[in-house]
Amino acid sequence: MPPAEDDGGHAAGHSHGRAFSVRTLGQGVPFAQQINDPQHPTPPPGSTPPGGTPPGGTSPGSGRRRKLAAPPQDGARTGAPDAPATDTRRRLGSPQPPAPQPSPAQGQPPQHLLDGGTGRAFAISAPDEGSEGPEPLDGPNGAVEVMDRHLPPMDDELPPEPLDNPRRLLVWPAPDVATQQALSDRGYRPVIVNSREEVDAQIAAYPAALFVDPLTGPITRTALQSLRQAAGAAEVPVLVTAGLGQATREAAYGADPAVLLKALAPRDSELHPPRVLLIEQNDAIAGALTTSLERRGMQVARADADADAVTLAAQMRPNLVVMDLMQVRRRRAGIVDWLRANGLLDHTPLVVYTSADLDPAQLPRLASGETVLFLAERSTSAEVQSRIVDLLAKIGTS
């Protein structure tokens, strides 16, 4: 290319007429800056302007920074040929594919920069999405891989559903108003069940216990046995309340307690009779109950108090526990705690009865056979209600 003698003393290697931003060299999108300058006519089509990209060549935006040559001294500018300046500008770039033209979405340069002149400039604009920019330090495809050490459990290892609040308590039959209120005050939600199928439908909610309290209606031996079997299969504790009455055989209006207890007592096998642990302090009441139970084919072991029952239970491992409600230890460990510790609470029904209505003067007649015990309604005093709820709370903690 001929030297530029008519440049008026300005060599082509001088920075006048072109713009470079050293900080953005190789990072932006190059475009041809054409400035209105009468000293630099527009090159003919097909030719390569000084500092431009030759046909089939590459753009100087290589992404690598190079040290720029020092500008020539004033004395050397007047006589410097155009060719060395052109070589200096070409050394600023390195071979790479032709740079893409900015799309209208990225923004076009002002129109006055495209009207003639020569030189190159670099536009500072936002990079294309995904083309460059800082890499994420963590996360997927990040520079730093973060391992989650706490993997979620598999489906078969998921914890069970949280317990109801208030917790469900299966009851049969429907409780009376006072008992319903007492249970609600202690955080229970009574759910009435009348059949084995209804018990099975509630097992998924992890009920605290099956509470049989025959105050509002009669219970049958068949239904009671069916509910007890369903609760035992689901490992739900069973608590049954009753009241004892005393009268002559002709005047007794309730069933023999042994009928109820035999329906409740499971057995190890058909060849083994049920083992019953009786906790009763009064000798007359204990003797009458023992006679009635043994007459129906059950083995009975008696303890005078709850504390003594633990030692006796370890020897016989009962299938059924029958006790006076007033003998239950409310604040200290007793038979309920022993049954839970030995894994027997869910399979050993517990029957508590009240005998406050019995006349102590008439109790000796039980031994002579003049009078008998029969099932009656339990006491509904505040003390009895409180003890029943306390016992349910102790049973339901398993």
Protein backbone atom coordinates (compact mmCIF):
# COMPACT_ATOMS: atom_id res chain seq x y z
CA MET A 1 0.00 0.00 0.00
CA PRO A 2 1.42 3.43 -0.81
CA PRO A 3 2.75 5.54 2.02
CA ALA A 4 0.49 8.25 3.28
CA GLU A 5 2.54 11.36 2.35
CA ASP A 6 -0.58 13.57 2.29
CA ASP A 7 -1.44 12.92 5.93
CA GLY A 8 -0.24 16.34 6.91
CA GLY A 9 2.58 15.07 9.08
CA HIS A 10 0.52 12.50 10.87
CA ALA A 11 1.74 8.96 10.35
CA ALA A 12 -0.73 6.15 10.07
CA GLY A 13 0.74 4.59 13.23
CA HIS A 14 -0.42 7.55 15.29
CA SER A 15 -3.44 6.95 17.45
CA HIS A 16 -5.30 9.84 15.86
CA GLY A 17 -8.21 8.58 13.80
CA ARG A 18 -8.82 5.31 15.71
CA ALA A 19 -9.84 4.40 19.26
CA PHE A 20 -8.70 1.48 21.43
CA SER A 21 -9.80 0.74 24.95
CA VAL A 22 -7.03 -1.31 26.49
CA ARG A 23 -9.22 -2.51 29.36
CA THR A 24 -11.77 -4.03 27.02
CA LEU A 25 -9.41 -5.23 24.32
CA GLY A 26 -10.41 -8.76 23.32
CA GLN A 27 -13.59 -8.81 25.44
CA GLY A 28 -16.17 -6.74 23.63
CA VAL A 29 -17.79 -6.99 20.20
CA PRO A 30 -15.67 -5.28 17.50
CA PHE A 31 -17.27 -3.10 14.91
CA ALA A 32 -15.87 -0.73 12.28
CA GLN A 33 -15.75 2.79 13.52
CA GLN A 34 -16.03 5.23 10.69
CA ILE A 35 -15.45 8.85 11.61
CA ASN A 36 -16.05 11.79 9.31
CA ASP A 37 -12.48 12.73 8.40
CA PRO A 38 -11.71 14.29 5.00
CA GLN A 39 -8.10 13.12 5.26
CA HIS A 40 -9.15 9.44 5.29
CA PRO A 41 -11.31 8.62 2.31
CA THR A 42 -13.48 5.52 2.33
CA PRO A 43 -11.47 2.60 0.94
CA PRO A 44 -12.72 1.01 -2.25
CA PRO A 45 -14.74 -2.21 -1.98
CA GLY A 46 -12.64 -5.34 -1.53
CA SER A 47 -9.63 -3.48 -0.10
CA THR A 48 -8.40 -3.74 3.46
CA PRO A 49 -8.27 -0.50 5.43
CA PRO A 50 -5.28 0.09 7.71
CA GLY A 51 -5.81 -1.80 10.93
CA GLY A 52 -8.80 -3.68 9.49
CA THR A 53 -9.47 -7.33 9.01
CA PRO A 54 -8.24 -8.73 5.67
CA PRO A 55 -10.65 -10.82 3.60
CA GLY A 56 -10.79 -14.30 5.03
CA GLY A 57 -8.80 -13.08 8.02
CA THR A 58 -9.71 -12.94 11.64
CA SER A 59 -10.77 -10.31 14.08
CA PRO A 60 -8.25 -9.05 16.63
CA GLY A 61 -10.54 -9.81 19.57
CA SER A 62 -8.77 -12.98 20.66
CA GLY A 63 -9.44 -12.76 24.35
CA ARG A 64 -5.70 -12.51 25.19
CA ARG A 65 -4.13 -9.22 26.15
CA ARG A 66 -0.87 -8.17 24.51
CA LYS A 67 1.55 -5.41 25.37
CA LEU A 68 1.18 -2.40 23.11
CA ALA A 69 4.24 -0.89 21.42
CA ALA A 70 5.44 2.49 22.68
CA PRO A 71 4.38 5.41 20.43
CA PRO A 72 7.17 6.79 18.19
CA GLN A 73 9.01 10.00 19.03
CA ASP A 74 7.98 13.30 17.48
CA GLY A 75 10.99 13.30 15.12
CA ALA A 76 10.15 9.87 13.80
CA ARG A 77 6.50 10.65 13.14
CA THR A 78 7.13 12.99 10.21
CA GLY A 79 8.96 10.52 8.06
CA ALA A 80 7.49 7.23 9.19
CA PRO A 81 6.08 5.15 6.37
CA ASP A 82 2.59 3.73 6.51
CA ALA A 83 3.64 0.07 6.25
CA PRO A 84 5.32 -0.24 9.68
CA ALA A 85 2.29 1.36 11.30
CA THR A 86 0.10 -1.13 9.57
CA ASP A 87 2.25 -4.01 10.85
CA THR A 88 1.98 -2.63 14.39
CA ARG A 89 -1.79 -2.59 14.23
CA ARG A 90 -1.92 -6.09 12.78
CA ARG A 91 0.25 -7.42 15.57
CA LEU A 92 -2.43 -6.38 18.06
CA GLY A 93 -4.68 -9.16 16.90
CA SER A 94 -4.41 -12.92 16.59
CA PRO A 95 -6.19 -15.34 14.26
CA GLN A 96 -9.77 -16.15 15.31
CA PRO A 97 -13.12 -16.59 13.58
CA PRO A 98 -14.81 -13.44 12.26
CA ALA A 99 -16.51 -11.57 15.05
CA PRO A 100 -20.32 -11.64 14.97
CA GLN A 101 -22.08 -8.39 14.26
CA PRO A 102 -24.17 -7.05 17.14
CA SER A 103 -27.84 -7.76 16.81
CA PRO A 104 -30.44 -5.00 17.11
CA ALA A 105 -31.43 -6.46 20.49
CA GLN A 106 -27.91 -5.75 21.74
CA GLY A 107 -28.03 -2.19 20.56
CA GLN A 108 -26.49 -0.46 17.49
CA PRO A 109 -23.78 2.21 17.77
CA PRO A 110 -24.76 5.81 17.00
CA GLN A 111 -25.16 6.61 13.34
CA HIS A 112 -22.42 9.30 13.33
CA LEU A 113 -19.83 6.61 14.13
CA LEU A 114 -20.65 4.76 10.92
CA ASP A 115 -20.14 7.62 8.48
CA GLY A 116 -16.68 7.18 6.95
CA GLY A 117 -13.16 7.15 8.31
CA THR A 118 -10.98 4.24 9.25
CA GLY A 119 -9.89 2.52 12.43
CA ARG A 120 -11.27 0.03 14.92
CA ALA A 121 -13.02 0.34 18.22
CA PHE A 122 -14.62 -2.00 20.73
CA ALA A 123 -18.12 -1.57 22.08
CA ILE A 124 -18.71 -2.30 25.76
CA SER A 125 -21.98 -4.17 25.95
CA ALA A 126 -23.58 -6.96 27.92
CA PRO A 127 -22.28 -10.42 26.93
CA ASP A 128 -24.53 -12.93 25.27
CA GLU A 129 -26.35 -15.13 27.74
CA GLY A 130 -24.27 -18.20 28.43
CA SER A 131 -21.26 -16.99 26.40
CA GLU A 132 -19.16 -15.50 29.16
CA GLY A 133 -19.35 -14.08 32.63
CA PRO A 134 -18.43 -15.29 36.12
CA GLU A 135 -18.86 -18.98 36.77
CA PRO A 136 -21.04 -19.95 39.71
CA LEU A 137 -19.03 -21.14 42.67
CA ASP A 138 -21.43 -23.88 43.62
CA GLY A 139 -24.53 -25.60 42.42
CA PRO A 140 -24.96 -27.62 39.22
CA ASN A 141 -22.00 -27.28 36.79
CA GLY A 142 -20.27 -24.96 39.26
CA ALA A 143 -16.58 -24.52 39.80
CA VAL A 144 -16.92 -25.90 43.30
CA GLU A 145 -19.06 -29.01 43.68
CA VAL A 146 -21.09 -29.00 46.85
CA MET A 147 -21.98 -32.44 48.16
CA ASP A 148 -25.17 -32.85 50.17
CA ARG A 149 -24.23 -35.28 52.90
CA HIS A 150 -27.80 -35.48 54.22
CA LEU A 151 -29.58 -37.46 51.57
CA PRO A 152 -33.35 -37.77 51.92
CA PRO A 153 -34.52 -41.17 53.14
CA MET A 154 -36.03 -43.66 50.79
CA ASP A 155 -39.79 -44.05 50.68
CA ASP A 156 -39.71 -47.13 52.85
CA GLU A 157 -37.59 -45.26 55.43
CA LEU A 158 -39.83 -42.24 55.81
CA PRO A 159 -40.96 -41.56 59.36
CA PRO A 160 -44.60 -42.21 60.17
CA GLU A 161 -47.16 -39.48 59.94
CA PRO A 162 -47.19 -37.12 62.96
CA LEU A 163 -49.61 -37.97 65.70
CA ASP A 164 -52.88 -36.16 65.94
CA ASN A 165 -53.04 -33.18 68.21
CA PRO A 166 -55.25 -33.83 70.09
CA ARG A 167 -54.48 -37.53 69.93
CA ARG A 168 -57.22 -39.96 69.02
CA LEU A 169 -58.69 -42.27 71.64
CA LEU A 170 -60.94 -45.09 70.50
CA VAL A 171 -63.97 -45.36 72.75
CA TRP A 172 -66.91 -47.75 72.97
CA PRO A 173 -69.66 -46.98 73.57
CA ALA A 174 -70.00 -43.18 73.27
CA PRO A 175 -68.73 -41.51 76.47
CA ASP A 176 -70.97 -39.46 78.71
CA VAL A 177 -70.68 -35.68 78.78
CA ALA A 178 -68.48 -35.53 81.88
CA THR A 179 -66.06 -38.14 80.58
CA GLN A 180 -65.98 -36.52 77.14
CA GLN A 181 -65.02 -33.19 78.69
CA ALA A 182 -62.39 -34.78 80.95
CA LEU A 183 -60.77 -36.52 77.99
CA SER A 184 -60.79 -33.35 75.88
CA ASP A 185 -59.21 -31.36 78.70
CA ARG A 186 -56.33 -33.85 78.77
CA GLY A 187 -55.69 -33.60 75.02
CA TYR A 188 -57.67 -36.57 73.69
CA ARG A 189 -60.14 -36.66 70.82
CA PRO A 190 -62.57 -39.54 71.43
CA VAL A 191 -63.45 -41.53 68.31
CA ILE A 192 -66.40 -43.89 68.67
CA VAL A 193 -65.91 -47.40 67.27
CA ASN A 194 -68.55 -50.10 67.19
CA SER A 195 -66.92 -52.91 65.21
CA ARG A 196 -63.62 -54.47 64.35
CA GLU A 197 -63.66 -52.81 60.93
CA GLU A 198 -63.97 -49.38 62.50
CA VAL A 199 -61.01 -50.12 64.75
CA ASP A 200 -58.93 -51.21 61.76
CA ALA A 201 -59.81 -47.97 59.95
CA GLN A 202 -58.31 -45.90 62.78
CA ILE A 203 -55.05 -47.77 63.19
CA ALA A 204 -53.16 -45.56 60.72
CA ALA A 205 -53.70 -42.57 63.03
CA TYR A 206 -51.87 -44.31 65.92
CA PRO A 207 -54.61 -44.04 68.56
CA ALA A 208 -53.55 -43.89 72.18
CA ALA A 209 -55.73 -46.76 73.36
CA LEU A 210 -59.09 -48.49 73.14
CA PHE A 211 -61.22 -47.23 76.01
CA VAL A 212 -64.29 -49.33 76.87
CA ASP A 213 -66.45 -47.43 79.33
CA PRO A 214 -70.00 -48.91 79.51
CA LEU A 215 -71.76 -45.98 81.12
CA THR A 216 -74.11 -44.90 78.35
CA GLY A 217 -75.12 -48.31 77.03
CA PRO A 218 -74.78 -52.06 77.48
CA ILE A 219 -71.92 -54.04 76.00
CA THR A 220 -72.02 -57.57 74.68
CA ARG A 221 -69.44 -60.26 75.18
CA THR A 222 -69.12 -60.93 71.44
CA ALA A 223 -68.55 -57.28 70.52
CA LEU A 224 -66.08 -56.80 73.36
CA GLN A 225 -64.06 -59.83 72.32
CA SER A 226 -63.99 -58.68 68.70
CA LEU A 227 -62.78 -55.18 69.60
CA ARG A 228 -60.14 -56.58 71.93
CA GLN A 229 -58.79 -58.86 69.20
CA ALA A 230 -58.64 -56.00 66.70
CA ALA A 231 -56.79 -53.77 69.15
CA GLY A 232 -54.37 -56.53 70.09
CA ALA A 233 -53.55 -57.23 66.44
CA ALA A 234 -52.83 -53.51 65.93
CA GLU A 235 -50.83 -53.28 69.20
CA VAL A 236 -53.23 -50.77 70.75
CA PRO A 237 -53.59 -50.93 74.56
CA VAL A 238 -57.03 -51.75 75.96
CA LEU A 239 -58.55 -50.22 79.10
CA VAL A 240 -61.94 -51.35 80.38
CA THR A 241 -63.83 -49.79 83.27
CA ALA A 242 -66.53 -51.38 85.37
CA GLY A 243 -68.33 -51.09 88.66
CA LEU A 244 -68.98 -53.79 91.23
CA GLY A 245 -72.25 -54.29 93.04
CA GLN A 246 -73.26 -56.71 95.78
CA ALA A 247 -76.60 -58.39 96.19
CA THR A 248 -78.21 -61.73 96.64
CA ARG A 249 -78.17 -63.99 93.65
CA GLU A 250 -81.83 -63.31 92.97
CA ALA A 251 -81.53 -59.55 93.38
CA ALA A 252 -78.39 -59.10 91.30
CA TYR A 253 -79.28 -57.16 88.15
CA GLY A 254 -75.91 -57.34 86.48
CA ALA A 255 -73.84 -60.08 84.91
CA ASP A 256 -71.18 -62.12 86.61
CA PRO A 257 -67.85 -60.22 86.33
CA ALA A 258 -66.16 -63.45 85.22
CA VAL A 259 -68.19 -63.41 81.99
CA LEU A 260 -66.76 -60.03 81.02
CA LEU A 261 -63.23 -60.94 82.08
CA LYS A 262 -63.18 -64.22 80.19
CA ALA A 263 -64.16 -62.43 76.99
CA LEU A 264 -61.29 -59.99 77.49
CA ALA A 265 -58.56 -62.40 78.53
CA PRO A 266 -56.41 -63.75 75.67
CA ARG A 267 -54.65 -67.06 76.11
CA ASP A 268 -51.36 -68.49 74.94
CA SER A 269 -53.11 -71.42 73.27
CA GLU A 270 -56.27 -73.49 73.50
CA LEU A 271 -54.47 -75.83 75.88
CA HIS A 272 -53.47 -73.07 78.31
CA PRO A 273 -56.03 -71.23 80.45
CA PRO A 274 -55.83 -67.44 80.69
CA ARG A 275 -53.65 -66.09 83.50
CA VAL A 276 -55.26 -63.26 85.47
CA LEU A 277 -53.44 -60.93 87.84
CA LEU A 278 -55.86 -59.58 90.45
CA ILE A 279 -54.85 -56.52 92.49
CA GLU A 280 -57.29 -56.10 95.39
CA GLN A 281 -56.66 -55.12 98.96
CA ASN A 282 -59.93 -56.37 100.47
CA ASP A 283 -59.88 -60.07 101.18
CA ALA A 284 -63.65 -60.56 100.78
CA ILE A 285 -63.77 -58.94 97.36
CA ALA A 286 -60.60 -60.70 96.25
CA GLY A 287 -61.93 -64.08 97.41
CA ALA A 288 -65.25 -63.65 95.61
CA LEU A 289 -63.61 -62.61 92.34
CA THR A 290 -61.05 -65.42 92.50
CA THR A 291 -63.75 -68.04 93.04
CA SER A 292 -65.81 -66.76 90.13
CA LEU A 293 -62.83 -66.62 87.75
CA GLU A 294 -61.52 -70.07 88.63
CA ARG A 295 -64.98 -71.52 88.18
CA ARG A 296 -64.76 -70.41 84.53
CA GLY A 297 -61.39 -71.98 83.92
CA MET A 298 -58.96 -69.12 84.55
CA GLN A 299 -55.83 -69.09 86.69
CA VAL A 300 -55.73 -66.24 89.22
CA ALA A 301 -52.83 -64.74 91.16
CA ARG A 302 -53.61 -62.05 93.70
CA ALA A 303 -51.59 -59.07 94.89
CA ASP A 304 -52.63 -56.72 97.69
CA ALA A 305 -51.21 -53.56 96.06
CA ASP A 306 -49.80 -52.24 92.84
CA ALA A 307 -46.25 -52.40 94.15
CA ASP A 308 -46.58 -56.10 94.99
CA ALA A 309 -48.09 -56.84 91.60
CA VAL A 310 -44.80 -56.15 89.78
CA THR A 311 -43.04 -59.02 91.53
CA LEU A 312 -45.94 -61.36 90.95
CA ALA A 313 -46.27 -60.35 87.29
CA ALA A 314 -42.63 -61.20 86.65
CA GLN A 315 -43.34 -64.73 87.85
CA MET A 316 -46.57 -65.45 85.98
CA ARG A 317 -46.59 -62.97 83.03
CA PRO A 318 -50.36 -62.39 83.06
CA ASN A 319 -52.70 -62.34 80.08
CA LEU A 320 -55.13 -59.99 81.90
CA VAL A 321 -54.77 -57.50 84.75
CA VAL A 322 -57.79 -56.74 86.98
CA MET A 323 -57.49 -54.17 89.75
CA ASP A 324 -59.31 -51.69 91.93
CA LEU A 325 -58.96 -48.24 90.41
CA MET A 326 -57.96 -46.81 93.76
CA GLN A 327 -54.96 -49.16 93.84
CA VAL A 328 -53.39 -47.64 90.73
CA ARG A 329 -50.19 -45.76 91.52
CA ARG A 330 -50.59 -42.38 89.87
CA ARG A 331 -47.13 -40.87 90.34
CA ARG A 332 -44.87 -43.87 90.92
CA ALA A 333 -44.01 -46.86 88.80
CA GLY A 334 -46.43 -49.75 89.00
CA ILE A 335 -47.89 -52.58 86.98
CA VAL A 336 -48.56 -50.41 83.91
CA ASP A 337 -44.92 -49.36 83.75
CA TRP A 338 -43.79 -52.97 84.16
CA LEU A 339 -46.05 -54.14 81.33
CA ARG A 340 -44.69 -51.44 79.03
CA ALA A 341 -41.07 -52.15 79.91
CA ASN A 342 -41.56 -55.84 79.10
CA GLY A 343 -43.47 -55.28 75.86
CA LEU A 344 -46.75 -56.63 77.24
CA LEU A 345 -48.89 -53.50 77.52
CA ASP A 346 -50.25 -53.72 73.98
CA HIS A 347 -51.29 -57.35 74.43
CA THR A 348 -52.49 -57.38 78.04
CA PRO A 349 -55.91 -55.77 78.58
CA LEU A 350 -56.32 -53.80 81.78
CA VAL A 351 -59.62 -53.81 83.69
CA VAL A 352 -60.19 -51.29 86.48
CA TYR A 353 -63.28 -51.28 88.65
CA THR A 354 -64.78 -49.15 91.40
CA SER A 355 -66.24 -50.63 94.57
CA ALA A 356 -67.04 -47.51 96.55
CA ASP A 357 -70.76 -48.31 96.54
CA LEU A 358 -70.24 -51.59 98.39
CA ASP A 359 -71.30 -51.67 101.99
CA PRO A 360 -68.33 -52.78 104.10
CA ALA A 361 -70.73 -54.36 106.61
CA GLN A 362 -72.13 -56.66 103.93
CA LEU A 363 -68.79 -57.80 102.53
CA PRO A 364 -68.40 -60.83 104.86
CA ARG A 365 -71.54 -62.30 103.32
CA LEU A 366 -69.60 -62.77 100.09
CA ALA A 367 -67.48 -65.49 101.65
CA SER A 368 -70.52 -67.46 102.84
CA GLY A 369 -72.22 -67.23 99.46
CA GLU A 370 -75.21 -65.29 100.70
CA THR A 371 -74.40 -62.49 98.33
CA VAL A 372 -72.55 -62.28 95.04
CA LEU A 373 -70.75 -59.63 93.04
CA PHE A 374 -72.20 -58.39 89.78
CA LEU A 375 -71.29 -55.79 87.16
CA ALA A 376 -72.74 -52.34 87.74
CA GLU A 377 -72.06 -48.78 86.62
CA ARG A 378 -68.80 -47.38 87.81
CA SER A 379 -68.59 -44.35 90.03
CA THR A 380 -68.66 -40.97 88.30
CA SER A 381 -67.14 -38.89 91.09
CA ALA A 382 -64.51 -36.28 90.30
CA GLU A 383 -61.82 -38.41 91.92
CA VAL A 384 -62.71 -41.42 89.78
CA GLN A 385 -62.79 -39.33 86.59
CA SER A 386 -59.40 -37.87 87.39
CA ARG A 387 -57.85 -41.26 88.08
CA ILE A 388 -59.20 -42.74 84.86
CA VAL A 389 -57.79 -39.91 82.78
CA ASP A 390 -54.45 -40.18 84.58
CA LEU A 391 -54.36 -43.90 83.86
CA LEU A 392 -55.13 -43.29 80.19
CA ALA A 393 -52.31 -40.77 80.02
CA LYS A 394 -49.92 -43.34 81.49
CA ILE A 395 -51.09 -46.03 79.08
CA GLY A 396 -51.08 -43.76 76.02
CA THR A 397 -47.42 -42.77 76.37
CA SER A 398 -46.24 -46.03 74.82
